[in-house]
Amino acid sequence: MDKQTFIITGGNSGIGKAVAIKIAKKNLHVVIVSRNIEKGKTALEDIKNASNNSEVELIIGNLNSINSTKTLAQNILKKYSNISVLINNAGIWPTNLELNEDGLEMAFMINYLAPFILSNMLLNRLKKNAPSRIVNVNAKLYSKGKIDLKKTPFGKDFGKFKTYMNTKLCNIYFTQKFSQLLNKTNVTINANHPGVISTNLGDTNGIFGILLRQVKKLWNSPEEGADPIVWLATSPSLLDENGNYYELMVHKPYANNAQSKEIREQLWDFSKKITGI
């Protein structure tokens, strides 16, 4: 794995940063994606120091829109020839409805459509450097989600809790569909729920925000959450595993709400059309 390049979105904080440190400690080439230059630079130095690995790099990119995500993918392709692992880690839990420049709800864009775009655009490079892997960082709460393609992409069914669940379900359906297209390519894709982790995900103001921050003190650390993701991205025993969902390091069957072939195909067609991919 010494020639592999690991691309980690959201690698400047939380679980993504912890994943970057653990992979860098294996003396592997790590590239973190950050939308904020200053935060990215600070994280880069932290990761280098914590891992004692100078082979860590930063690339600036924004997953907030279709065009910005495509630009990020193009810049990654221009700069890195040995991409073998893509970890789609970046995610948000919105507490307010926000639409992007495409008219899409922001969590739908970042939690689902950005991984869809990056995985598709980097696929040929991943094939070139196979065996390669894609890891989608997900959440067990996907099992409570529901997709309505007339509403979910545009935030017309927005809710402080259900939008996160719905967009993570979209990501699960993507994992399933993409895995089918990867058969016999020596590239795999799997999804992982790393546990209930204390990060800034879902943070808000007011009494609820104060209570949430207190509860998070009881949750696992980003370092603990990184372990199953690093395992899924690097373990030789998982080289041929494709299209699976793991809770921590345990393979789990997909929940009942993720069993609709019709919704999976409709979501795929919708995504191809709206992105032009």
C-alpha atoms as a PDB file:
ATOM      1  CA  MET A   1       0.000   0.000   0.000  1.00  0.00           C
ATOM      2  CA  ASP A   2       3.069   2.267   0.036  1.00  0.00           C
ATOM      3  CA  LYS A   3       2.195   3.897  -3.298  1.00  0.00           C
ATOM      4  CA  GLN A   4      -1.436   4.499  -2.509  1.00  0.00           C
ATOM      5  CA  THR A   5      -2.892   7.956  -2.088  1.00  0.00           C
ATOM      6  CA  PHE A   6      -5.743   8.276   0.421  1.00  0.00           C
ATOM      7  CA  ILE A   7      -8.204  11.110  -0.225  1.00  0.00           C
ATOM      8  CA  ILE A   8     -10.206  12.070   2.881  1.00  0.00           C
ATOM      9  CA  THR A   9     -12.981  14.645   2.642  1.00  0.00           C
ATOM     10  CA  GLY A  10     -13.581  16.659   5.778  1.00  0.00           C
ATOM     11  CA  GLY A  11     -10.106  15.702   6.920  1.00  0.00           C
ATOM     12  CA  ASN A  12      -9.460  18.924   8.804  1.00  0.00           C
ATOM     13  CA  SER A  13     -11.559  18.106  11.892  1.00  0.00           C
ATOM     14  CA  GLY A  14     -13.464  15.476  13.849  1.00  0.00           C
ATOM     15  CA  ILE A  15     -13.450  11.895  12.648  1.00  0.00           C
ATOM     16  CA  GLY A  16     -11.837  12.835   9.333  1.00  0.00           C
ATOM     17  CA  LYS A  17      -8.807  14.342  11.035  1.00  0.00           C
ATOM     18  CA  ALA A  18      -8.500  11.334  13.351  1.00  0.00           C
ATOM     19  CA  VAL A  19      -8.694   9.000  10.346  1.00  0.00           C
ATOM     20  CA  ALA A  20      -5.999  11.004   8.579  1.00  0.00           C
ATOM     21  CA  ILE A  21      -3.667  10.736  11.586  1.00  0.00           C
ATOM     22  CA  LYS A  22      -4.139   6.984  11.944  1.00  0.00           C
ATOM     23  CA  ILE A  23      -3.570   6.332   8.238  1.00  0.00           C
ATOM     24  CA  ALA A  24      -0.585   8.682   8.140  1.00  0.00           C
ATOM     25  CA  LYS A  25       0.914   6.732  11.055  1.00  0.00           C
ATOM     26  CA  LYS A  26       1.026   3.766   8.672  1.00  0.00           C
ATOM     27  CA  ASN A  27       3.476   5.831   6.584  1.00  0.00           C
ATOM     28  CA  LEU A  28       0.949   6.183   3.783  1.00  0.00           C
ATOM     29  CA  HIS A  29       0.299   9.170   1.542  1.00  0.00           C
ATOM     30  CA  VAL A  30      -2.692  11.099   2.877  1.00  0.00           C
ATOM     31  CA  VAL A  31      -4.504  14.028   1.278  1.00  0.00           C
ATOM     32  CA  ILE A  32      -7.090  15.860   3.360  1.00  0.00           C
ATOM     33  CA  VAL A  33      -9.819  17.950   1.779  1.00  0.00           C
ATOM     34  CA  SER A  34     -10.848  21.145   3.548  1.00  0.00           C
ATOM     35  CA  ARG A  35     -13.011  24.025   2.380  1.00  0.00           C
ATOM     36  CA  ASN A  36     -11.299  26.472   4.752  1.00  0.00           C
ATOM     37  CA  ILE A  37      -7.681  27.297   3.998  1.00  0.00           C
ATOM     38  CA  GLU A  38      -6.624  28.352   7.489  1.00  0.00           C
ATOM     39  CA  LYS A  39      -8.346  25.443   9.242  1.00  0.00           C
ATOM     40  CA  GLY A  40      -6.910  23.118   6.621  1.00  0.00           C
ATOM     41  CA  LYS A  41      -3.360  24.375   7.146  1.00  0.00           C
ATOM     42  CA  THR A  42      -3.664  24.064  10.913  1.00  0.00           C
ATOM     43  CA  ALA A  43      -5.023  20.519  10.612  1.00  0.00           C
ATOM     44  CA  LEU A  44      -2.269  19.620   8.154  1.00  0.00           C
ATOM     45  CA  GLU A  45       0.453  20.554  10.625  1.00  0.00           C
ATOM     46  CA  ASP A  46      -1.364  18.758  13.441  1.00  0.00           C
ATOM     47  CA  ILE A  47      -1.626  15.571  11.377  1.00  0.00           C
ATOM     48  CA  LYS A  48       2.021  15.706  10.304  1.00  0.00           C
ATOM     49  CA  ASN A  49       3.185  16.224  13.880  1.00  0.00           C
ATOM     50  CA  ALA A  50       0.896  13.573  15.370  1.00  0.00           C
ATOM     51  CA  SER A  51       1.847  10.957  12.777  1.00  0.00           C
ATOM     52  CA  ASN A  52       5.495  11.909  12.224  1.00  0.00           C
ATOM     53  CA  ASN A  53       4.729  11.659   8.523  1.00  0.00           C
ATOM     54  CA  SER A  54       5.607  14.408   6.065  1.00  0.00           C
ATOM     55  CA  GLU A  55       3.658  12.639   3.294  1.00  0.00           C
ATOM     56  CA  VAL A  56       0.441  14.431   4.207  1.00  0.00           C
ATOM     57  CA  GLU A  57      -1.034  17.057   1.925  1.00  0.00           C
ATOM     58  CA  LEU A  58      -3.921  19.505   1.850  1.00  0.00           C
ATOM     59  CA  ILE A  59      -6.228  20.286  -1.029  1.00  0.00           C
ATOM     60  CA  ILE A  60      -8.835  23.008  -0.774  1.00  0.00           C
ATOM     61  CA  GLY A  61     -12.296  22.195  -2.064  1.00  0.00           C
ATOM     62  CA  ASN A  62     -15.941  22.874  -1.389  1.00  0.00           C
ATOM     63  CA  LEU A  63     -18.680  20.249  -1.507  1.00  0.00           C
ATOM     64  CA  ASN A  64     -21.509  22.780  -1.258  1.00  0.00           C
ATOM     65  CA  SER A  65     -22.537  22.679  -4.911  1.00  0.00           C
ATOM     66  CA  ILE A  66     -22.397  20.499  -7.988  1.00  0.00           C
ATOM     67  CA  ASN A  67     -19.874  22.731  -9.765  1.00  0.00           C
ATOM     68  CA  SER A  68     -17.603  23.182  -6.741  1.00  0.00           C
ATOM     69  CA  THR A  69     -17.530  19.426  -6.143  1.00  0.00           C
ATOM     70  CA  LYS A  70     -16.713  18.788  -9.789  1.00  0.00           C
ATOM     71  CA  THR A  71     -13.923  21.372  -9.577  1.00  0.00           C
ATOM     72  CA  LEU A  72     -12.514  19.603  -6.528  1.00  0.00           C
ATOM     73  CA  ALA A  73     -12.577  16.258  -8.357  1.00  0.00           C
ATOM     74  CA  GLN A  74     -10.808  17.789 -11.351  1.00  0.00           C
ATOM     75  CA  ASN A  75      -8.116  19.321  -9.130  1.00  0.00           C
ATOM     76  CA  ILE A  76      -7.565  16.014  -7.358  1.00  0.00           C
ATOM     77  CA  LEU A  77      -7.154  14.249 -10.708  1.00  0.00           C
ATOM     78  CA  LYS A  78      -4.678  16.874 -11.915  1.00  0.00           C
ATOM     79  CA  LYS A  79      -2.529  16.606  -8.817  1.00  0.00           C
ATOM     80  CA  TYR A  80      -2.600  12.935  -7.800  1.00  0.00           C
ATOM     81  CA  SER A  81      -1.957   9.964 -10.054  1.00  0.00           C
ATOM     82  CA  ASN A  82      -1.927   7.177  -7.452  1.00  0.00           C
ATOM     83  CA  ILE A  83      -5.403   7.518  -5.928  1.00  0.00           C
ATOM     84  CA  SER A  84      -6.361   4.163  -4.477  1.00  0.00           C
ATOM     85  CA  VAL A  85      -8.661   5.041  -1.581  1.00  0.00           C
ATOM     86  CA  LEU A  86     -11.422   7.634  -1.384  1.00  0.00           C
ATOM     87  CA  ILE A  87     -12.967   8.181   2.038  1.00  0.00           C
ATOM     88  CA  ASN A  88     -16.192  10.162   1.730  1.00  0.00           C
ATOM     89  CA  ASN A  89     -16.207  11.414   5.300  1.00  0.00           C
ATOM     90  CA  ALA A  90     -17.513  14.984   5.101  1.00  0.00           C
ATOM     91  CA  GLY A  91     -21.065  15.346   6.331  1.00  0.00           C
ATOM     92  CA  ILE A  92     -23.439  17.779   7.991  1.00  0.00           C
ATOM     93  CA  TRP A  93     -26.464  17.617  10.278  1.00  0.00           C
ATOM     94  CA  PRO A  94     -28.374  20.813   9.446  1.00  0.00           C
ATOM     95  CA  THR A  95     -30.583  22.459  12.036  1.00  0.00           C
ATOM     96  CA  ASN A  96     -32.014  24.949   9.547  1.00  0.00           C
ATOM     97  CA  LEU A  97     -33.097  24.641   5.934  1.00  0.00           C
ATOM     98  CA  GLU A  98     -30.454  25.931   3.549  1.00  0.00           C
ATOM     99  CA  LEU A  99     -30.460  25.623  -0.224  1.00  0.00           C
ATOM    100  CA  ASN A 100     -27.348  25.835  -2.361  1.00  0.00           C
ATOM    101  CA  GLU A 101     -26.840  27.552  -5.706  1.00  0.00           C
ATOM    102  CA  ASP A 102     -28.363  24.535  -7.458  1.00  0.00           C
ATOM    103  CA  GLY A 103     -31.564  24.815  -5.415  1.00  0.00           C
ATOM    104  CA  LEU A 104     -30.640  21.656  -3.515  1.00  0.00           C
ATOM    105  CA  GLU A 105     -30.921  21.151   0.235  1.00  0.00           C
ATOM    106  CA  MET A 106     -27.420  21.369   1.682  1.00  0.00           C
ATOM    107  CA  ALA A 107     -27.343  18.012   3.496  1.00  0.00           C
ATOM    108  CA  PHE A 108     -28.578  16.259   0.355  1.00  0.00           C
ATOM    109  CA  MET A 109     -25.675  17.887  -1.477  1.00  0.00           C
ATOM    110  CA  ILE A 110     -22.912  17.194   1.055  1.00  0.00           C
ATOM    111  CA  ASN A 111     -24.018  13.890   2.593  1.00  0.00           C
ATOM    112  CA  TYR A 112     -25.070  12.268  -0.665  1.00  0.00           C
ATOM    113  CA  LEU A 113     -24.505  14.076  -3.946  1.00  0.00           C
ATOM    114  CA  ALA A 114     -20.886  15.074  -3.261  1.00  0.00           C
ATOM    115  CA  PRO A 115     -19.844  11.420  -2.675  1.00  0.00           C
ATOM    116  CA  PHE A 116     -21.814  10.491  -5.815  1.00  0.00           C
ATOM    117  CA  ILE A 117     -19.882  13.057  -7.878  1.00  0.00           C
ATOM    118  CA  LEU A 118     -16.445  12.377  -6.411  1.00  0.00           C
ATOM    119  CA  SER A 119     -16.759   8.598  -6.660  1.00  0.00           C
ATOM    120  CA  ASN A 120     -17.883   8.758 -10.287  1.00  0.00           C
ATOM    121  CA  MET A 121     -15.275  11.297 -11.366  1.00  0.00           C
ATOM    122  CA  LEU A 122     -12.387   9.554  -9.604  1.00  0.00           C
ATOM    123  CA  LEU A 123     -13.440   6.065 -10.673  1.00  0.00           C
ATOM    124  CA  ASN A 124     -11.131   5.681 -13.667  1.00  0.00           C
ATOM    125  CA  ARG A 125      -8.154   6.742 -11.538  1.00  0.00           C
ATOM    126  CA  LEU A 126      -9.194   4.257  -8.865  1.00  0.00           C
ATOM    127  CA  LYS A 127      -9.447   1.536 -11.512  1.00  0.00           C
ATOM    128  CA  LYS A 128      -5.976   2.415 -12.758  1.00  0.00           C
ATOM    129  CA  ASN A 129      -4.542   1.925  -9.280  1.00  0.00           C
ATOM    130  CA  ALA A 130      -6.644  -1.096  -8.325  1.00  0.00           C
ATOM    131  CA  PRO A 131      -7.133  -2.817  -6.010  1.00  0.00           C
ATOM    132  CA  SER A 132      -8.822   0.313  -4.719  1.00  0.00           C
ATOM    133  CA  ARG A 133     -11.542   1.216  -2.254  1.00  0.00           C
ATOM    134  CA  ILE A 134     -14.242   3.765  -1.567  1.00  0.00           C
ATOM    135  CA  VAL A 135     -15.475   4.137   2.006  1.00  0.00           C
ATOM    136  CA  ASN A 136     -18.682   6.042   2.705  1.00  0.00           C
ATOM    137  CA  VAL A 137     -18.932   7.238   6.301  1.00  0.00           C
ATOM    138  CA  ASN A 138     -22.585   6.787   7.183  1.00  0.00           C
ATOM    139  CA  ALA A 139     -24.788   6.537  10.279  1.00  0.00           C
ATOM    140  CA  LYS A 140     -27.050   3.904  11.765  1.00  0.00           C
ATOM    141  CA  LEU A 141     -29.827   6.514  11.707  1.00  0.00           C
ATOM    142  CA  TYR A 142     -30.170   5.923   7.958  1.00  0.00           C
ATOM    143  CA  SER A 143     -32.516   3.115   9.007  1.00  0.00           C
ATOM    144  CA  LYS A 144     -35.049   5.761  10.065  1.00  0.00           C
ATOM    145  CA  GLY A 145     -34.865   7.662   6.785  1.00  0.00           C
ATOM    146  CA  LYS A 146     -37.335   8.019   3.949  1.00  0.00           C
ATOM    147  CA  ILE A 147     -36.756   9.368   0.451  1.00  0.00           C
ATOM    148  CA  ASP A 148     -39.243  11.378  -1.584  1.00  0.00           C
ATOM    149  CA  LEU A 149     -37.490  12.536  -4.753  1.00  0.00           C
ATOM    150  CA  LYS A 150     -40.034  15.311  -5.241  1.00  0.00           C
ATOM    151  CA  LYS A 151     -39.183  16.709  -1.804  1.00  0.00           C
ATOM    152  CA  THR A 152     -35.939  15.403  -0.242  1.00  0.00           C
ATOM    153  CA  PRO A 153     -33.404  16.887  -2.726  1.00  0.00           C
ATOM    154  CA  PHE A 154     -35.021  20.317  -2.396  1.00  0.00           C
ATOM    155  CA  GLY A 155     -35.636  20.369   1.338  1.00  0.00           C
ATOM    156  CA  LYS A 156     -39.413  20.299   0.976  1.00  0.00           C
ATOM    157  CA  ASP A 157     -39.548  17.606   3.670  1.00  0.00           C
ATOM    158  CA  PHE A 158     -36.912  19.286   5.855  1.00  0.00           C
ATOM    159  CA  GLY A 159     -36.691  18.388   9.509  1.00  0.00           C
ATOM    160  CA  LYS A 160     -33.935  18.896  12.094  1.00  0.00           C
ATOM    161  CA  PHE A 161     -33.671  15.149  12.588  1.00  0.00           C
ATOM    162  CA  LYS A 162     -35.217  13.478   9.559  1.00  0.00           C
ATOM    163  CA  THR A 163     -33.189  15.359   6.934  1.00  0.00           C
ATOM    164  CA  TYR A 164     -29.970  13.872   8.288  1.00  0.00           C
ATOM    165  CA  MET A 165     -31.561  10.402   8.305  1.00  0.00           C
ATOM    166  CA  ASN A 166     -33.012  10.831   4.800  1.00  0.00           C
ATOM    167  CA  THR A 167     -29.732  11.979   3.245  1.00  0.00           C
ATOM    168  CA  LYS A 168     -27.792   9.164   4.908  1.00  0.00           C
ATOM    169  CA  LEU A 169     -30.317   6.741   3.399  1.00  0.00           C
ATOM    170  CA  CYS A 170     -29.569   8.282  -0.003  1.00  0.00           C
ATOM    171  CA  ASN A 171     -25.894   7.560   0.641  1.00  0.00           C
ATOM    172  CA  ILE A 172     -26.722   3.937   1.473  1.00  0.00           C
ATOM    173  CA  TYR A 173     -28.655   3.484  -1.761  1.00  0.00           C
ATOM    174  CA  PHE A 174     -25.694   4.981  -3.618  1.00  0.00           C
ATOM    175  CA  THR A 175     -23.335   2.506  -1.948  1.00  0.00           C
ATOM    176  CA  GLN A 176     -25.561  -0.362  -3.072  1.00  0.00           C
ATOM    177  CA  LYS A 177     -25.942   0.829  -6.662  1.00  0.00           C
ATOM    178  CA  PHE A 178     -22.314   1.787  -7.176  1.00  0.00           C
ATOM    179  CA  SER A 179     -21.146  -1.561  -5.822  1.00  0.00           C
ATOM    180  CA  GLN A 180     -23.070  -3.290  -8.606  1.00  0.00           C
ATOM    181  CA  LEU A 181     -21.270  -1.199 -11.229  1.00  0.00           C
ATOM    182  CA  LEU A 182     -17.916  -2.020  -9.641  1.00  0.00           C
ATOM    183  CA  ASN A 183     -18.206  -5.794 -10.046  1.00  0.00           C
ATOM    184  CA  LYS A 184     -15.054  -7.218 -11.640  1.00  0.00           C
ATOM    185  CA  THR A 185     -13.274  -3.823 -11.600  1.00  0.00           C
ATOM    186  CA  ASN A 186     -11.145  -4.589  -8.515  1.00  0.00           C
ATOM    187  CA  VAL A 187     -12.580  -1.432  -6.934  1.00  0.00           C
ATOM    188  CA  THR A 188     -14.908  -1.774  -3.957  1.00  0.00           C
ATOM    189  CA  ILE A 189     -17.301   0.486  -2.068  1.00  0.00           C
ATOM    190  CA  ASN A 190     -18.633  -0.029   1.443  1.00  0.00           C
ATOM    191  CA  ALA A 191     -20.432   2.053   4.068  1.00  0.00           C
ATOM    192  CA  ASN A 192     -19.579   2.376   7.733  1.00  0.00           C
ATOM    193  CA  HIS A 193     -21.319   3.599  10.882  1.00  0.00           C
ATOM    194  CA  PRO A 194     -18.374   4.461  13.163  1.00  0.00           C
ATOM    195  CA  GLY A 195     -20.460   4.702  16.315  1.00  0.00           C
ATOM    196  CA  VAL A 196     -21.948   7.619  18.208  1.00  0.00           C
ATOM    197  CA  ILE A 197     -19.087  10.084  18.166  1.00  0.00           C
ATOM    198  CA  SER A 198     -18.599  13.427  19.879  1.00  0.00           C
ATOM    199  CA  THR A 199     -17.969  15.961  17.106  1.00  0.00           C
ATOM    200  CA  ASN A 200     -19.527  19.317  16.221  1.00  0.00           C
ATOM    201  CA  LEU A 201     -22.096  17.571  14.017  1.00  0.00           C
ATOM    202  CA  GLY A 202     -25.563  18.966  14.678  1.00  0.00           C
ATOM    203  CA  ASP A 203     -24.379  21.645  17.091  1.00  0.00           C
ATOM    204  CA  THR A 204     -26.803  24.500  17.550  1.00  0.00           C
ATOM    205  CA  ASN A 205     -27.481  27.447  19.845  1.00  0.00           C
ATOM    206  CA  GLY A 206     -29.914  27.788  22.716  1.00  0.00           C
ATOM    207  CA  ILE A 207     -30.919  25.405  25.470  1.00  0.00           C
ATOM    208  CA  PHE A 208     -30.991  22.399  23.135  1.00  0.00           C
ATOM    209  CA  GLY A 209     -27.449  23.165  22.017  1.00  0.00           C
ATOM    210  CA  ILE A 210     -26.219  23.377  25.602  1.00  0.00           C
ATOM    211  CA  LEU A 211     -27.875  20.079  26.493  1.00  0.00           C
ATOM    212  CA  LEU A 212     -26.522  18.394  23.363  1.00  0.00           C
ATOM    213  CA  ARG A 213     -22.967  19.444  24.162  1.00  0.00           C
ATOM    214  CA  GLN A 214     -23.317  17.997  27.648  1.00  0.00           C
ATOM    215  CA  VAL A 215     -24.654  14.691  26.276  1.00  0.00           C
ATOM    216  CA  LYS A 216     -21.814  14.504  23.762  1.00  0.00           C
ATOM    217  CA  LYS A 217     -19.330  14.300  26.621  1.00  0.00           C
ATOM    218  CA  LEU A 218     -20.594  10.747  27.126  1.00  0.00           C
ATOM    219  CA  TRP A 219     -20.070   9.747  23.490  1.00  0.00           C
ATOM    220  CA  ASN A 220     -16.993   8.136  21.963  1.00  0.00           C
ATOM    221  CA  SER A 221     -14.067  10.254  20.814  1.00  0.00           C
ATOM    222  CA  PRO A 222     -13.206  10.941  17.156  1.00  0.00           C
ATOM    223  CA  GLU A 223     -10.145   8.727  17.650  1.00  0.00           C
ATOM    224  CA  GLU A 224     -12.394   5.799  18.580  1.00  0.00           C
ATOM    225  CA  GLY A 225     -14.696   6.575  15.659  1.00  0.00           C
ATOM    226  CA  ALA A 226     -11.757   6.547  13.273  1.00  0.00           C
ATOM    227  CA  ASP A 227     -10.803   2.941  13.995  1.00  0.00           C
ATOM    228  CA  PRO A 228     -13.546   1.155  11.970  1.00  0.00           C
ATOM    229  CA  ILE A 229     -13.093   3.550   9.057  1.00  0.00           C
ATOM    230  CA  VAL A 230      -9.341   2.984   8.931  1.00  0.00           C
ATOM    231  CA  TRP A 231      -9.986  -0.760   9.212  1.00  0.00           C
ATOM    232  CA  LEU A 232     -12.389  -0.673   6.274  1.00  0.00           C
ATOM    233  CA  ALA A 233      -9.981   1.423   4.218  1.00  0.00           C
ATOM    234  CA  THR A 234      -6.806  -0.559   4.869  1.00  0.00           C
ATOM    235  CA  SER A 235      -7.417  -4.101   6.124  1.00  0.00           C
ATOM    236  CA  PRO A 236      -6.157  -6.754   3.671  1.00  0.00           C
ATOM    237  CA  SER A 237      -8.950  -9.069   4.839  1.00  0.00           C
ATOM    238  CA  LEU A 238     -11.564  -6.698   3.358  1.00  0.00           C
ATOM    239  CA  LEU A 239      -9.988  -6.314  -0.049  1.00  0.00           C
ATOM    240  CA  ASP A 240     -12.797  -8.157  -1.844  1.00  0.00           C
ATOM    241  CA  GLU A 241     -15.721  -6.961   0.279  1.00  0.00           C
ATOM    242  CA  ASN A 242     -18.075  -4.859  -1.834  1.00  0.00           C
ATOM    243  CA  GLY A 243     -21.449  -3.218  -1.320  1.00  0.00           C
ATOM    244  CA  ASN A 244     -21.618  -3.910   2.402  1.00  0.00           C
ATOM    245  CA  TYR A 245     -22.677  -1.915   5.443  1.00  0.00           C
ATOM    246  CA  TYR A 246     -20.741  -2.148   8.702  1.00  0.00           C
ATOM    247  CA  GLU A 247     -21.600  -0.946  12.178  1.00  0.00           C
ATOM    248  CA  LEU A 248     -18.201  -0.417  13.737  1.00  0.00           C
ATOM    249  CA  MET A 249     -16.394  -3.553  12.502  1.00  0.00           C
ATOM    250  CA  VAL A 250     -19.444  -5.790  12.198  1.00  0.00           C
ATOM    251  CA  HIS A 251     -21.113  -6.533   8.878  1.00  0.00           C
ATOM    252  CA  LYS A 252     -24.851  -5.808   9.133  1.00  0.00           C
ATOM    253  CA  PRO A 253     -27.690  -6.432   6.681  1.00  0.00           C
ATOM    254  CA  TYR A 254     -29.333  -3.369   5.201  1.00  0.00           C
ATOM    255  CA  ALA A 255     -32.431  -2.145   7.029  1.00  0.00           C
ATOM    256  CA  ASN A 256     -35.898  -2.663   5.563  1.00  0.00           C
ATOM    257  CA  ASN A 257     -36.129   0.942   4.370  1.00  0.00           C
ATOM    258  CA  ALA A 258     -33.047   0.400   2.178  1.00  0.00           C
ATOM    259  CA  GLN A 259     -34.472  -2.536   0.217  1.00  0.00           C
ATOM    260  CA  SER A 260     -36.386  -0.762  -2.574  1.00  0.00           C
ATOM    261  CA  LYS A 261     -34.832  -1.399  -5.979  1.00  0.00           C
ATOM    262  CA  GLU A 262     -37.271   1.120  -7.473  1.00  0.00           C
ATOM    263  CA  ILE A 263     -36.174   3.966  -5.191  1.00  0.00           C
ATOM    264  CA  ARG A 264     -32.512   3.048  -5.681  1.00  0.00           C
ATOM    265  CA  GLU A 265     -32.805   3.221  -9.469  1.00  0.00           C
ATOM    266  CA  GLN A 266     -34.894   6.406  -9.400  1.00  0.00           C
ATOM    267  CA  LEU A 267     -32.363   8.104  -7.132  1.00  0.00           C
ATOM    268  CA  TRP A 268     -29.516   7.024  -9.404  1.00  0.00           C
ATOM    269  CA  ASP A 269     -31.267   8.345 -12.513  1.00  0.00           C
ATOM    270  CA  PHE A 270     -32.147  11.605 -10.768  1.00  0.00           C
ATOM    271  CA  SER A 271     -28.532  12.058  -9.659  1.00  0.00           C
ATOM    272  CA  LYS A 272     -27.105  11.385 -13.110  1.00  0.00           C
ATOM    273  CA  LYS A 273     -29.486  13.880 -14.658  1.00  0.00           C
ATOM    274  CA  ILE A 274     -28.953  16.695 -12.184  1.00  0.00           C
ATOM    275  CA  THR A 275     -25.148  16.347 -12.156  1.00  0.00           C
ATOM    276  CA  GLY A 276     -24.667  15.556 -15.833  1.00  0.00           C
ATOM    277  CA  ILE A 277     -22.634  12.473 -14.911  1.00  0.00           C
END
